[in-house]
């Protein structure tokens, strides 16, 4: 469903430690998915009744932290509208082969969030 929180994602400098922590704290069970290009894994938990939670090793220059992703029907038009409303593009629309597309923006107050369009 569009315009609802779809998932949260943790980028971390210590994926095994973060995974162990959230497994012990919440009982989350993770499934490892290969990253496009074979560069590491994307660990995905799907807590019953909750939004999915993903984890990956931080790309260079990206600090450890959680990002909320909002589902949209048309990521390109949503990005245009976000820019028109004063958002700053942190990461432009990026295809995730086989899954969809993502983008990351900062709203006019500086709050960062992601957009996600599932492959249709």
PDB file of N, CA and C in Angstrom:
ATOM      1  N   UNK A   1       0.847  -1.170   0.000  1.00  0.00           N
ATOM      2  CA  UNK A   1       0.000   0.000   0.000  1.00  0.00           C
ATOM      3  C   UNK A   1       0.896   1.238   0.000  1.00  0.00           C
ATOM      4  N   UNK A   2       0.574   2.182  -0.854  1.00  0.00           N
ATOM      5  CA  UNK A   2       1.403   3.371  -1.010  1.00  0.00           C
ATOM      6  C   UNK A   2       1.266   4.335   0.163  1.00  0.00           C
ATOM      7  N   UNK A   3       2.342   5.071   0.380  1.00  0.00           N
ATOM      8  CA  UNK A   3       2.415   6.144   1.365  1.00  0.00           C
ATOM      9  C   UNK A   3       2.328   5.658   2.802  1.00  0.00           C
ATOM     10  N   UNK A   4       2.692   4.420   3.032  1.00  0.00           N
ATOM     11  CA  UNK A   4       2.794   3.876   4.377  1.00  0.00           C
ATOM     12  C   UNK A   4       4.221   3.390   4.600  1.00  0.00           C
ATOM     13  N   UNK A   5       4.623   3.329   5.865  1.00  0.00           N
ATOM     14  CA  UNK A   5       5.954   2.820   6.169  1.00  0.00           C
ATOM     15  C   UNK A   5       6.022   1.364   5.741  1.00  0.00           C
ATOM     16  N   UNK A   6       7.002   1.073   4.897  1.00  0.00           N
ATOM     17  CA  UNK A   6       7.152  -0.274   4.373  1.00  0.00           C
ATOM     18  C   UNK A   6       8.185  -1.089   5.124  1.00  0.00           C
ATOM     19  N   UNK A   7       9.311  -0.462   5.422  1.00  0.00           N
ATOM     20  CA  UNK A   7      10.347  -1.168   6.157  1.00  0.00           C
ATOM     21  C   UNK A   7      11.335  -0.164   6.755  1.00  0.00           C
ATOM     22  N   UNK A   8      12.132  -0.660   7.661  1.00  0.00           N
ATOM     23  CA  UNK A   8      13.223   0.118   8.227  1.00  0.00           C
ATOM     24  C   UNK A   8      14.514  -0.609   7.906  1.00  0.00           C
ATOM     25  N   UNK A   9      15.596   0.151   7.808  1.00  0.00           N
ATOM     26  CA  UNK A   9      16.858  -0.440   7.391  1.00  0.00           C
ATOM     27  C   UNK A   9      17.986   0.112   8.237  1.00  0.00           C
ATOM     28  N   UNK A  10      18.815  -0.782   8.725  1.00  0.00           N
ATOM     29  CA  UNK A  10      19.981  -0.397   9.510  1.00  0.00           C
ATOM     30  C   UNK A  10      21.232  -0.558   8.668  1.00  0.00           C
ATOM     31  N   UNK A  11      21.986   0.532   8.527  1.00  0.00           N
ATOM     32  CA  UNK A  11      23.338   0.428   7.972  1.00  0.00           C
ATOM     33  C   UNK A  11      24.265   0.461   9.183  1.00  0.00           C
ATOM     34  N   UNK A  12      25.196  -0.469   9.223  1.00  0.00           N
ATOM     35  CA  UNK A  12      26.042  -0.612  10.402  1.00  0.00           C
ATOM     36  C   UNK A  12      27.460  -0.999  10.019  1.00  0.00           C
ATOM     37  N   UNK A  13      28.394  -0.569  10.835  1.00  0.00           N
ATOM     38  CA  UNK A  13      29.797  -0.924  10.607  1.00  0.00           C
ATOM     39  C   UNK A  13      30.128  -2.302  11.171  1.00  0.00           C
ATOM     40  N   UNK A  14      29.182  -2.916  11.911  1.00  0.00           N
ATOM     41  CA  UNK A  14      29.407  -4.247  12.489  1.00  0.00           C
ATOM     42  C   UNK A  14      28.128  -5.071  12.370  1.00  0.00           C
ATOM     43  N   UNK A  15      27.899  -5.594  11.171  1.00  0.00           N
ATOM     44  CA  UNK A  15      26.676  -6.345  10.882  1.00  0.00           C
ATOM     45  C   UNK A  15      26.497  -7.563  11.799  1.00  0.00           C
ATOM     46  N   UNK A  16      27.512  -8.398  12.023  1.00  0.00           N
ATOM     47  CA  UNK A  16      27.311  -9.550  12.906  1.00  0.00           C
ATOM     48  C   UNK A  16      26.901  -9.143  14.334  1.00  0.00           C
ATOM     49  N   UNK A  17      27.506  -8.105  14.854  1.00  0.00           N
ATOM     50  CA  UNK A  17      27.179  -7.654  16.208  1.00  0.00           C
ATOM     51  C   UNK A  17      25.756  -7.096  16.279  1.00  0.00           C
ATOM     52  N   UNK A  18      25.362  -6.301  15.287  1.00  0.00           N
ATOM     53  CA  UNK A  18      24.007  -5.742  15.258  1.00  0.00           C
ATOM     54  C   UNK A  18      22.980  -6.858  15.128  1.00  0.00           C
ATOM     55  N   UNK A  19      23.251  -7.787  14.257  1.00  0.00           N
ATOM     56  CA  UNK A  19      22.331  -8.914  14.045  1.00  0.00           C
ATOM     57  C   UNK A  19      22.153  -9.696  15.347  1.00  0.00           C
ATOM     58  N   UNK A  20      23.237  -9.981  16.028  1.00  0.00           N
ATOM     59  CA  UNK A  20      23.198 -10.709  17.290  1.00  0.00           C
ATOM     60  C   UNK A  20      22.389  -9.938  18.338  1.00  0.00           C
ATOM     61  N   UNK A  21      22.602  -8.618  18.402  1.00  0.00           N
ATOM     62  CA  UNK A  21      21.900  -7.781  19.374  1.00  0.00           C
ATOM     63  C   UNK A  21      20.389  -7.824  19.151  1.00  0.00           C
ATOM     64  N   UNK A  22      19.931  -7.591  17.912  1.00  0.00           N
ATOM     65  CA  UNK A  22      18.488  -7.538  17.645  1.00  0.00           C
ATOM     66  C   UNK A  22      17.839  -8.924  17.726  1.00  0.00           C
ATOM     67  N   UNK A  23      18.607  -9.966  17.447  1.00  0.00           N
ATOM     68  CA  UNK A  23      18.093 -11.325  17.634  1.00  0.00           C
ATOM     69  C   UNK A  23      17.865 -11.587  19.114  1.00  0.00           C
ATOM     70  N   UNK A  24      18.837 -11.237  19.950  1.00  0.00           N
ATOM     71  CA  UNK A  24      18.710 -11.462  21.391  1.00  0.00           C
ATOM     72  C   UNK A  24      17.637 -10.566  22.010  1.00  0.00           C
ATOM     73  N   UNK A  25      17.562  -9.318  21.562  1.00  0.00           N
ATOM     74  CA  UNK A  25      16.623  -8.368  22.149  1.00  0.00           C
ATOM     75  C   UNK A  25      15.175  -8.645  21.764  1.00  0.00           C
ATOM     76  N   UNK A  26      14.923  -8.876  20.474  1.00  0.00           N
ATOM     77  CA  UNK A  26      13.558  -8.998  19.982  1.00  0.00           C
ATOM     78  C   UNK A  26      13.183 -10.388  19.470  1.00  0.00           C
ATOM     79  N   UNK A  27      14.170 -11.286  19.373  1.00  0.00           N
ATOM     80  CA  UNK A  27      13.892 -12.615  18.836  1.00  0.00           C
ATOM     81  C   UNK A  27      13.743 -12.631  17.321  1.00  0.00           C
ATOM     82  N   UNK A  28      14.220 -11.574  16.656  1.00  0.00           N
ATOM     83  CA  UNK A  28      14.108 -11.522  15.201  1.00  0.00           C
ATOM     84  C   UNK A  28      14.954 -12.618  14.572  1.00  0.00           C
ATOM     85  N   UNK A  29      14.394 -13.264  13.563  1.00  0.00           N
ATOM     86  CA  UNK A  29      15.118 -14.256  12.772  1.00  0.00           C
ATOM     87  C   UNK A  29      15.408 -13.634  11.415  1.00  0.00           C
ATOM     88  N   UNK A  30      16.674 -13.701  11.007  1.00  0.00           N
ATOM     89  CA  UNK A  30      17.101 -13.046   9.779  1.00  0.00           C
ATOM     90  C   UNK A  30      17.321 -14.048   8.654  1.00  0.00           C
ATOM     91  N   UNK A  31      17.021 -13.610   7.451  1.00  0.00           N
ATOM     92  CA  UNK A  31      17.317 -14.345   6.230  1.00  0.00           C
ATOM     93  C   UNK A  31      18.333 -13.518   5.459  1.00  0.00           C
ATOM     94  N   UNK A  32      19.429 -14.156   5.048  1.00  0.00           N
ATOM     95  CA  UNK A  32      20.452 -13.453   4.284  1.00  0.00           C
ATOM     96  C   UNK A  32      20.121 -13.496   2.802  1.00  0.00           C
ATOM     97  N   UNK A  33      20.190 -12.336   2.170  1.00  0.00           N
ATOM     98  CA  UNK A  33      19.963 -12.203   0.738  1.00  0.00           C
ATOM     99  C   UNK A  33      21.214 -11.585   0.134  1.00  0.00           C
ATOM    100  N   UNK A  34      21.690 -12.124  -1.004  1.00  0.00           N
ATOM    101  CA  UNK A  34      22.889 -11.543  -1.603  1.00  0.00           C
ATOM    102  C   UNK A  34      22.624 -10.125  -2.099  1.00  0.00           C
ATOM    103  N   UNK A  35      23.578  -9.246  -1.873  1.00  0.00           N
ATOM    104  CA  UNK A  35      23.486  -7.880  -2.393  1.00  0.00           C
ATOM    105  C   UNK A  35      23.758  -7.924  -3.896  1.00  0.00           C
ATOM    106  N   UNK A  36      23.115  -7.019  -4.645  1.00  0.00           N
ATOM    107  CA  UNK A  36      23.403  -6.962  -6.085  1.00  0.00           C
ATOM    108  C   UNK A  36      24.908  -6.808  -6.315  1.00  0.00           C
ATOM    109  N   UNK A  37      25.428  -7.542  -7.242  1.00  0.00           N
ATOM    110  CA  UNK A  37      26.859  -7.499  -7.525  1.00  0.00           C
ATOM    111  C   UNK A  37      27.671  -8.405  -6.625  1.00  0.00           C
ATOM    112  N   UNK A  38      26.997  -9.116  -5.691  1.00  0.00           N
ATOM    113  CA  UNK A  38      27.688 -10.062  -4.825  1.00  0.00           C
ATOM    114  C   UNK A  38      28.521  -9.427  -3.734  1.00  0.00           C
ATOM    115  N   UNK A  39      28.272  -8.148  -3.423  1.00  0.00           N
ATOM    116  CA  UNK A  39      29.066  -7.438  -2.421  1.00  0.00           C
ATOM    117  C   UNK A  39      28.374  -7.479  -1.061  1.00  0.00           C
ATOM    118  N   UNK A  40      28.486  -8.603  -0.356  1.00  0.00           N
ATOM    119  CA  UNK A  40      27.912  -8.728   0.978  1.00  0.00           C
ATOM    120  C   UNK A  40      26.500  -9.275   0.984  1.00  0.00           C
ATOM    121  N   UNK A  41      25.853  -9.169   2.151  1.00  0.00           N
ATOM    122  CA  UNK A  41      24.500  -9.684   2.314  1.00  0.00           C
ATOM    123  C   UNK A  41      23.578  -8.594   2.856  1.00  0.00           C
ATOM    124  N   UNK A  42      22.303  -8.793   2.584  1.00  0.00           N
ATOM    125  CA  UNK A  42      21.246  -7.962   3.143  1.00  0.00           C
ATOM    126  C   UNK A  42      20.460  -8.897   4.048  1.00  0.00           C
ATOM    127  N   UNK A  43      20.563  -8.668   5.350  1.00  0.00           N
ATOM    128  CA  UNK A  43      19.875  -9.512   6.325  1.00  0.00           C
ATOM    129  C   UNK A  43      18.476  -8.946   6.556  1.00  0.00           C
ATOM    130  N   UNK A  44      17.436  -9.766   6.365  1.00  0.00           N
ATOM    131  CA  UNK A  44      16.059  -9.296   6.470  1.00  0.00           C
ATOM    132  C   UNK A  44      15.316 -10.066   7.547  1.00  0.00           C
ATOM    133  N   UNK A  45      14.670  -9.310   8.441  1.00  0.00           N
ATOM    134  CA  UNK A  45      13.789  -9.888   9.452  1.00  0.00           C
ATOM    135  C   UNK A  45      12.377  -9.415   9.142  1.00  0.00           C
ATOM    136  N   UNK A  46      11.400 -10.264   9.374  1.00  0.00           N
ATOM    137  CA  UNK A  46      10.000  -9.907   9.160  1.00  0.00           C
ATOM    138  C   UNK A  46       9.219 -10.232  10.426  1.00  0.00           C
ATOM    139  N   UNK A  47       9.327  -9.344  11.439  1.00  0.00           N
ATOM    140  CA  UNK A  47       8.595  -9.594  12.680  1.00  0.00           C
ATOM    141  C   UNK A  47       7.096  -9.729  12.409  1.00  0.00           C
ATOM    142  N   UNK A  48       6.461 -10.691  13.045  1.00  0.00           N
ATOM    143  CA  UNK A  48       5.039 -10.931  12.824  1.00  0.00           C
ATOM    144  C   UNK A  48       4.229  -9.681  13.146  1.00  0.00           C
ATOM    145  N   UNK A  49       3.445  -9.244  12.166  1.00  0.00           N
ATOM    146  CA  UNK A  49       2.588  -8.089  12.361  1.00  0.00           C
ATOM    147  C   UNK A  49       3.285  -6.743  12.260  1.00  0.00           C
ATOM    148  N   UNK A  50       4.581  -6.739  11.975  1.00  0.00           N
ATOM    149  CA  UNK A  50       5.314  -5.479  11.913  1.00  0.00           C
ATOM    150  C   UNK A  50       5.952  -5.255  10.564  1.00  0.00           C
ATOM    151  N   UNK A  51       6.533  -4.081  10.402  1.00  0.00           N
ATOM    152  CA  UNK A  51       7.259  -3.754   9.181  1.00  0.00           C
ATOM    153  C   UNK A  51       8.534  -4.582   9.119  1.00  0.00           C
ATOM    154  N   UNK A  52       8.974  -4.862   7.921  1.00  0.00           N
ATOM    155  CA  UNK A  52      10.218  -5.599   7.745  1.00  0.00           C
ATOM    156  C   UNK A  52      11.390  -4.746   8.223  1.00  0.00           C
ATOM    157  N   UNK A  53      12.430  -5.412   8.693  1.00  0.00           N
ATOM    158  CA  UNK A  53      13.643  -4.737   9.128  1.00  0.00           C
ATOM    159  C   UNK A  53      14.825  -5.365   8.405  1.00  0.00           C
ATOM    160  N   UNK A  54      15.592  -4.537   7.703  1.00  0.00           N
ATOM    161  CA  UNK A  54      16.753  -5.025   6.987  1.00  0.00           C
ATOM    162  C   UNK A  54      18.027  -4.445   7.559  1.00  0.00           C
ATOM    163  N   UNK A  55      19.132  -5.155   7.355  1.00  0.00           N
ATOM    164  CA  UNK A  55      20.442  -4.705   7.812  1.00  0.00           C
ATOM    165  C   UNK A  55      21.479  -4.972   6.728  1.00  0.00           C
ATOM    166  N   UNK A  56      22.418  -4.045   6.622  1.00  0.00           N
ATOM    167  CA  UNK A  56      23.529  -4.245   5.708  1.00  0.00           C
ATOM    168  C   UNK A  56      24.747  -3.512   6.231  1.00  0.00           C
ATOM    169  N   UNK A  57      25.904  -3.920   5.753  1.00  0.00           N
ATOM    170  CA  UNK A  57      27.145  -3.236   6.117  1.00  0.00           C
ATOM    171  C   UNK A  57      27.113  -1.837   5.519  1.00  0.00           C
ATOM    172  N   UNK A  58      27.541  -0.854   6.301  1.00  0.00           N
ATOM    173  CA  UNK A  58      27.533   0.537   5.848  1.00  0.00           C
ATOM    174  C   UNK A  58      28.441   0.715   4.640  1.00  0.00           C
ATOM    175  N   UNK A  59      27.907   1.324   3.582  1.00  0.00           N
ATOM    176  CA  UNK A  59      28.791   1.693   2.475  1.00  0.00           C
ATOM    177  C   UNK A  59      29.784   2.753   2.960  1.00  0.00           C
ATOM    178  N   UNK A  60      30.902   2.933   2.274  1.00  0.00           N
ATOM    179  CA  UNK A  60      31.879   3.937   2.701  1.00  0.00           C
ATOM    180  C   UNK A  60      31.228   5.310   2.891  1.00  0.00           C
ATOM    181  N   UNK A  61      31.505   5.933   4.020  1.00  0.00           N
ATOM    182  CA  UNK A  61      31.002   7.264   4.302  1.00  0.00           C
ATOM    183  C   UNK A  61      29.603   7.332   4.877  1.00  0.00           C
ATOM    184  N   UNK A  62      28.935   6.176   5.011  1.00  0.00           N
ATOM    185  CA  UNK A  62      27.574   6.153   5.560  1.00  0.00           C
ATOM    186  C   UNK A  62      27.653   5.745   7.028  1.00  0.00           C
ATOM    187  N   UNK A  63      27.150   6.583   7.925  1.00  0.00           N
ATOM    188  CA  UNK A  63      27.226   6.258   9.354  1.00  0.00           C
ATOM    189  C   UNK A  63      26.226   5.169   9.745  1.00  0.00           C
ATOM    190  N   UNK A  64      26.454   4.554  10.901  1.00  0.00           N
ATOM    191  CA  UNK A  64      25.512   3.594  11.442  1.00  0.00           C
ATOM    192  C   UNK A  64      24.223   4.318  11.813  1.00  0.00           C
ATOM    193  N   UNK A  65      23.097   3.741  11.425  1.00  0.00           N
ATOM    194  CA  UNK A  65      21.818   4.349  11.774  1.00  0.00           C
ATOM    195  C   UNK A  65      20.671   3.675  11.055  1.00  0.00           C
ATOM    196  N   UNK A  66      19.468   3.936  11.559  1.00  0.00           N
ATOM    197  CA  UNK A  66      18.237   3.405  10.986  1.00  0.00           C
ATOM    198  C   UNK A  66      17.636   4.403  10.007  1.00  0.00           C
ATOM    199  N   UNK A  67      17.083   3.910   8.902  1.00  0.00           N
ATOM    200  CA  UNK A  67      16.356   4.724   7.937  1.00  0.00           C
ATOM    201  C   UNK A  67      14.980   4.104   7.724  1.00  0.00           C
ATOM    202  N   UNK A  68      13.944   4.935   7.765  1.00  0.00           N
ATOM    203  CA  UNK A  68      12.579   4.493   7.503  1.00  0.00           C
ATOM    204  C   UNK A  68      12.310   4.651   6.004  1.00  0.00           C
ATOM    205  N   UNK A  69      11.715   3.634   5.384  1.00  0.00           N
ATOM    206  CA  UNK A  69      11.354   3.699   3.969  1.00  0.00           C
ATOM    207  C   UNK A  69       9.833   3.707   3.831  1.00  0.00           C
ATOM    208  N   UNK A  70       9.326   4.651   3.044  1.00  0.00           N
ATOM    209  CA  UNK A  70       7.900   4.785   2.796  1.00  0.00           C
ATOM    210  C   UNK A  70       7.611   4.241   1.407  1.00  0.00           C
ATOM    211  N   UNK A  71       6.625   3.355   1.313  1.00  0.00           N
ATOM    212  CA  UNK A  71       6.232   2.775   0.032  1.00  0.00           C
ATOM    213  C   UNK A  71       5.533   3.821  -0.831  1.00  0.00           C
ATOM    214  N   UNK A  72       5.890   3.868  -2.103  1.00  0.00           N
ATOM    215  CA  UNK A  72       5.241   4.769  -3.059  1.00  0.00           C
ATOM    216  C   UNK A  72       4.909   3.986  -4.329  1.00  0.00           C
ATOM    217  N   UNK A  73       3.911   4.489  -5.075  1.00  0.00           N
ATOM    218  CA  UNK A  73       3.530   3.843  -6.333  1.00  0.00           C
ATOM    219  C   UNK A  73       4.425   4.251  -7.492  1.00  0.00           C
ATOM    220  N   UNK A  74       4.915   5.495  -7.476  1.00  0.00           N
ATOM    221  CA  UNK A  74       5.737   6.027  -8.569  1.00  0.00           C
ATOM    222  C   UNK A  74       6.878   6.837  -7.972  1.00  0.00           C
ATOM    223  N   UNK A  75       8.021   6.203  -7.822  1.00  0.00           N
ATOM    224  CA  UNK A  75       9.141   6.827  -7.128  1.00  0.00           C
ATOM    225  C   UNK A  75       9.665   8.061  -7.854  1.00  0.00           C
ATOM    226  N   UNK A  76       9.657   8.047  -9.178  1.00  0.00           N
ATOM    227  CA  UNK A  76      10.184   9.204  -9.922  1.00  0.00           C
ATOM    228  C   UNK A  76       9.292  10.420  -9.739  1.00  0.00           C
ATOM    229  N   UNK A  77       7.978  10.253  -9.811  1.00  0.00           N
ATOM    230  CA  UNK A  77       7.103  11.417  -9.618  1.00  0.00           C
ATOM    231  C   UNK A  77       7.114  11.870  -8.159  1.00  0.00           C
ATOM    232  N   UNK A  78       7.277  10.933  -7.232  1.00  0.00           N
ATOM    233  CA  UNK A  78       7.364  11.304  -5.820  1.00  0.00           C
ATOM    234  C   UNK A  78       8.635  12.104  -5.565  1.00  0.00           C
ATOM    235  N   UNK A  79       9.730  11.729  -6.207  1.00  0.00           N
ATOM    236  CA  UNK A  79      10.985  12.477  -6.059  1.00  0.00           C
ATOM    237  C   UNK A  79      10.839  13.899  -6.626  1.00  0.00           C
ATOM    238  N   UNK A  80      10.183  14.026  -7.763  1.00  0.00           N
ATOM    239  CA  UNK A  80       9.955  15.347  -8.344  1.00  0.00           C
ATOM    240  C   UNK A  80       9.145  16.213  -7.384  1.00  0.00           C
ATOM    241  N   UNK A  81       8.086  15.647  -6.836  1.00  0.00           N
ATOM    242  CA  UNK A  81       7.242  16.386  -5.892  1.00  0.00           C
ATOM    243  C   UNK A  81       8.028  16.755  -4.634  1.00  0.00           C
ATOM    244  N   UNK A  82       8.834  15.817  -4.116  1.00  0.00           N
ATOM    245  CA  UNK A  82       9.640  16.087  -2.924  1.00  0.00           C
ATOM    246  C   UNK A  82      10.602  17.247  -3.175  1.00  0.00           C
ATOM    247  N   UNK A  83      11.282  17.240  -4.326  1.00  0.00           N
ATOM    248  CA  UNK A  83      12.195  18.342  -4.669  1.00  0.00           C
ATOM    249  C   UNK A  83      11.437  19.665  -4.738  1.00  0.00           C
ATOM    250  N   UNK A  84      10.265  19.652  -5.393  1.00  0.00           N
ATOM    251  CA  UNK A  84       9.458  20.862  -5.521  1.00  0.00           C
ATOM    252  C   UNK A  84       9.046  21.411  -4.157  1.00  0.00           C
ATOM    253  N   UNK A  85       8.900  20.521  -3.174  1.00  0.00           N
ATOM    254  CA  UNK A  85       8.488  20.926  -1.833  1.00  0.00           C
ATOM    255  C   UNK A  85       9.678  21.269  -0.928  1.00  0.00           C
ATOM    256  N   UNK A  86      10.898  21.217  -1.492  1.00  0.00           N
ATOM    257  CA  UNK A  86      12.066  21.644  -0.736  1.00  0.00           C
ATOM    258  C   UNK A  86      12.952  20.538  -0.193  1.00  0.00           C
ATOM    259  N   UNK A  87      12.701  19.290  -0.570  1.00  0.00           N
ATOM    260  CA  UNK A  87      13.548  18.186  -0.109  1.00  0.00           C
ATOM    261  C   UNK A  87      14.904  18.231  -0.812  1.00  0.00           C
ATOM    262  N   UNK A  88      15.904  17.703  -0.142  1.00  0.00           N
ATOM    263  CA  UNK A  88      17.249  17.585  -0.695  1.00  0.00           C
ATOM    264  C   UNK A  88      17.493  16.109  -0.984  1.00  0.00           C
ATOM    265  N   UNK A  89      17.979  15.813  -2.168  1.00  0.00           N
ATOM    266  CA  UNK A  89      18.243  14.429  -2.553  1.00  0.00           C
ATOM    267  C   UNK A  89      19.536  13.966  -1.887  1.00  0.00           C
ATOM    268  N   UNK A  90      19.437  12.897  -1.111  1.00  0.00           N
ATOM    269  CA  UNK A  90      20.611  12.281  -0.494  1.00  0.00           C
ATOM    270  C   UNK A  90      21.124  11.185  -1.414  1.00  0.00           C
ATOM    271  N   UNK A  91      20.197  10.387  -1.944  1.00  0.00           N
ATOM    272  CA  UNK A  91      20.523   9.339  -2.921  1.00  0.00           C
ATOM    273  C   UNK A  91      19.383   9.303  -3.922  1.00  0.00           C
ATOM    274  N   UNK A  92      19.703   9.571  -5.182  1.00  0.00           N
ATOM    275  CA  UNK A  92      18.672   9.608  -6.210  1.00  0.00           C
ATOM    276  C   UNK A  92      18.132   8.199  -6.465  1.00  0.00           C
ATOM    277  N   UNK A  93      17.114   8.111  -7.269  1.00  0.00           N
ATOM    278  CA  UNK A  93      16.467   6.835  -7.552  1.00  0.00           C
ATOM    279  C   UNK A  93      17.507   5.815  -7.994  1.00  0.00           C
ATOM    280  N   UNK A  94      17.517   4.682  -7.302  1.00  0.00           N
ATOM    281  CA  UNK A  94      18.469   3.602  -7.550  1.00  0.00           C
ATOM    282  C   UNK A  94      17.701   2.301  -7.700  1.00  0.00           C
ATOM    283  N   UNK A  95      17.897   1.633  -8.806  1.00  0.00           N
ATOM    284  CA  UNK A  95      17.239   0.351  -9.040  1.00  0.00           C
ATOM    285  C   UNK A  95      17.889  -0.730  -8.180  1.00  0.00           C
ATOM    286  N   UNK A  96      17.070  -1.587  -7.607  1.00  0.00           N
ATOM    287  CA  UNK A  96      17.538  -2.764  -6.877  1.00  0.00           C
ATOM    288  C   UNK A  96      17.054  -3.950  -7.711  1.00  0.00           C
ATOM    289  N   UNK A  97      17.941  -4.508  -8.544  1.00  0.00           N
ATOM    290  CA  UNK A  97      17.531  -5.526  -9.503  1.00  0.00           C
ATOM    291  C   UNK A  97      16.707  -6.661  -8.879  1.00  0.00           C
ATOM    292  N   UNK A  98      15.552  -6.896  -9.476  1.00  0.00           N
ATOM    293  CA  UNK A  98      14.678  -7.964  -9.030  1.00  0.00           C
ATOM    294  C   UNK A  98      13.725  -7.591  -7.916  1.00  0.00           C
ATOM    295  N   UNK A  99      13.913  -6.411  -7.308  1.00  0.00           N
ATOM    296  CA  UNK A  99      13.089  -6.042  -6.157  1.00  0.00           C
ATOM    297  C   UNK A  99      12.326  -4.733  -6.330  1.00  0.00           C
ATOM    298  N   UNK A 100      12.958  -3.701  -6.873  1.00  0.00           N
ATOM    299  CA  UNK A 100      12.299  -2.413  -7.008  1.00  0.00           C
ATOM    300  C   UNK A 100      13.298  -1.284  -7.118  1.00  0.00           C
ATOM    301  N   UNK A 101      12.929  -0.140  -6.544  1.00  0.00           N
ATOM    302  CA  UNK A 101      13.797   1.035  -6.590  1.00  0.00           C
ATOM    303  C   UNK A 101      13.701   1.787  -5.272  1.00  0.00           C
ATOM    304  N   UNK A 102      14.808   2.434  -4.906  1.00  0.00           N
ATOM    305  CA  UNK A 102      14.829   3.224  -3.676  1.00  0.00           C
ATOM    306  C   UNK A 102      15.414   4.593  -3.957  1.00  0.00           C
ATOM    307  N   UNK A 103      15.129   5.513  -3.052  1.00  0.00           N
ATOM    308  CA  UNK A 103      15.723   6.841  -3.057  1.00  0.00           C
ATOM    309  C   UNK A 103      15.743   7.304  -1.608  1.00  0.00           C
ATOM    310  N   UNK A 104      16.648   8.217  -1.293  1.00  0.00           N
ATOM    311  CA  UNK A 104      16.723   8.756   0.062  1.00  0.00           C
ATOM    312  C   UNK A 104      16.758  10.274  -0.046  1.00  0.00           C
ATOM    313  N   UNK A 105      15.922  10.933   0.753  1.00  0.00           N
ATOM    314  CA  UNK A 105      15.824  12.387   0.735  1.00  0.00           C
ATOM    315  C   UNK A 105      15.874  12.941   2.152  1.00  0.00           C
ATOM    316  N   UNK A 106      16.154  14.227   2.240  1.00  0.00           N
ATOM    317  CA  UNK A 106      16.052  14.957   3.503  1.00  0.00           C
ATOM    318  C   UNK A 106      14.936  15.979   3.323  1.00  0.00           C
ATOM    319  N   UNK A 107      13.992  15.994   4.257  1.00  0.00           N
ATOM    320  CA  UNK A 107      12.893  16.959   4.163  1.00  0.00           C
ATOM    321  C   UNK A 107      13.432  18.369   4.436  1.00  0.00           C
ATOM    322  N   UNK A 108      12.620  19.408   4.270  1.00  0.00           N
ATOM    323  CA  UNK A 108      13.117  20.775   4.460  1.00  0.00           C
ATOM    324  C   UNK A 108      13.662  21.068   5.864  1.00  0.00           C
ATOM    325  N   UNK A 109      13.345  20.218   6.847  1.00  0.00           N
ATOM    326  CA  UNK A 109      13.886  20.420   8.201  1.00  0.00           C
ATOM    327  C   UNK A 109      15.150  19.617   8.428  1.00  0.00           C
ATOM    328  N   UNK A 110      15.555  18.791   7.445  1.00  0.00           N
ATOM    329  CA  UNK A 110      16.767  17.989   7.557  1.00  0.00           C
ATOM    330  C   UNK A 110      16.550  16.537   7.933  1.00  0.00           C
ATOM    331  N   UNK A 111      15.295  16.138   8.209  1.00  0.00           N
ATOM    332  CA  UNK A 111      15.018  14.740   8.554  1.00  0.00           C
ATOM    333  C   UNK A 111      15.162  13.863   7.310  1.00  0.00           C
ATOM    334  N   UNK A 112      15.915  12.779   7.452  1.00  0.00           N
ATOM    335  CA  UNK A 112      16.206  11.888   6.332  1.00  0.00           C
ATOM    336  C   UNK A 112      15.273  10.686   6.365  1.00  0.00           C
ATOM    337  N   UNK A 113      14.748  10.324   5.187  1.00  0.00           N
ATOM    338  CA  UNK A 113      13.909   9.129   5.058  1.00  0.00           C
ATOM    339  C   UNK A 113      14.067   8.570   3.654  1.00  0.00           C
ATOM    340  N   UNK A 114      13.629   7.334   3.487  1.00  0.00           N
ATOM    341  CA  UNK A 114      13.741   6.681   2.198  1.00  0.00           C
ATOM    342  C   UNK A 114      12.391   6.504   1.534  1.00  0.00           C
ATOM    343  N   UNK A 115      12.432   6.353   0.224  1.00  0.00           N
ATOM    344  CA  UNK A 115      11.262   6.015  -0.580  1.00  0.00           C
ATOM    345  C   UNK A 115      11.533   4.656  -1.211  1.00  0.00           C
ATOM    346  N   UNK A 116      10.492   3.840  -1.325  1.00  0.00           N
ATOM    347  CA  UNK A 116      10.632   2.508  -1.918  1.00  0.00           C
ATOM    348  C   UNK A 116       9.470   2.250  -2.847  1.00  0.00           C
ATOM    349  N   UNK A 117       9.797   1.783  -4.066  1.00  0.00           N
ATOM    350  CA  UNK A 117       8.784   1.334  -5.021  1.00  0.00           C
ATOM    351  C   UNK A 117       9.082  -0.115  -5.347  1.00  0.00           C
ATOM    352  N   UNK A 118       8.169  -0.996  -4.988  1.00  0.00           N
ATOM    353  CA  UNK A 118       8.329  -2.410  -5.278  1.00  0.00           C
ATOM    354  C   UNK A 118       8.215  -2.644  -6.776  1.00  0.00           C
ATOM    355  N   UNK A 119       9.031  -3.548  -7.288  1.00  0.00           N
ATOM    356  CA  UNK A 119       8.988  -3.885  -8.697  1.00  0.00           C
ATOM    357  C   UNK A 119       7.613  -4.410  -9.032  1.00  0.00           C
ATOM    358  N   UNK A 120       7.022  -3.845 -10.061  1.00  0.00           N
ATOM    359  CA  UNK A 120       5.656  -4.224 -10.413  1.00  0.00           C
ATOM    360  C   UNK A 120       5.596  -4.874 -11.675  1.00  0.00           C
TER     361      UNK A 120
END
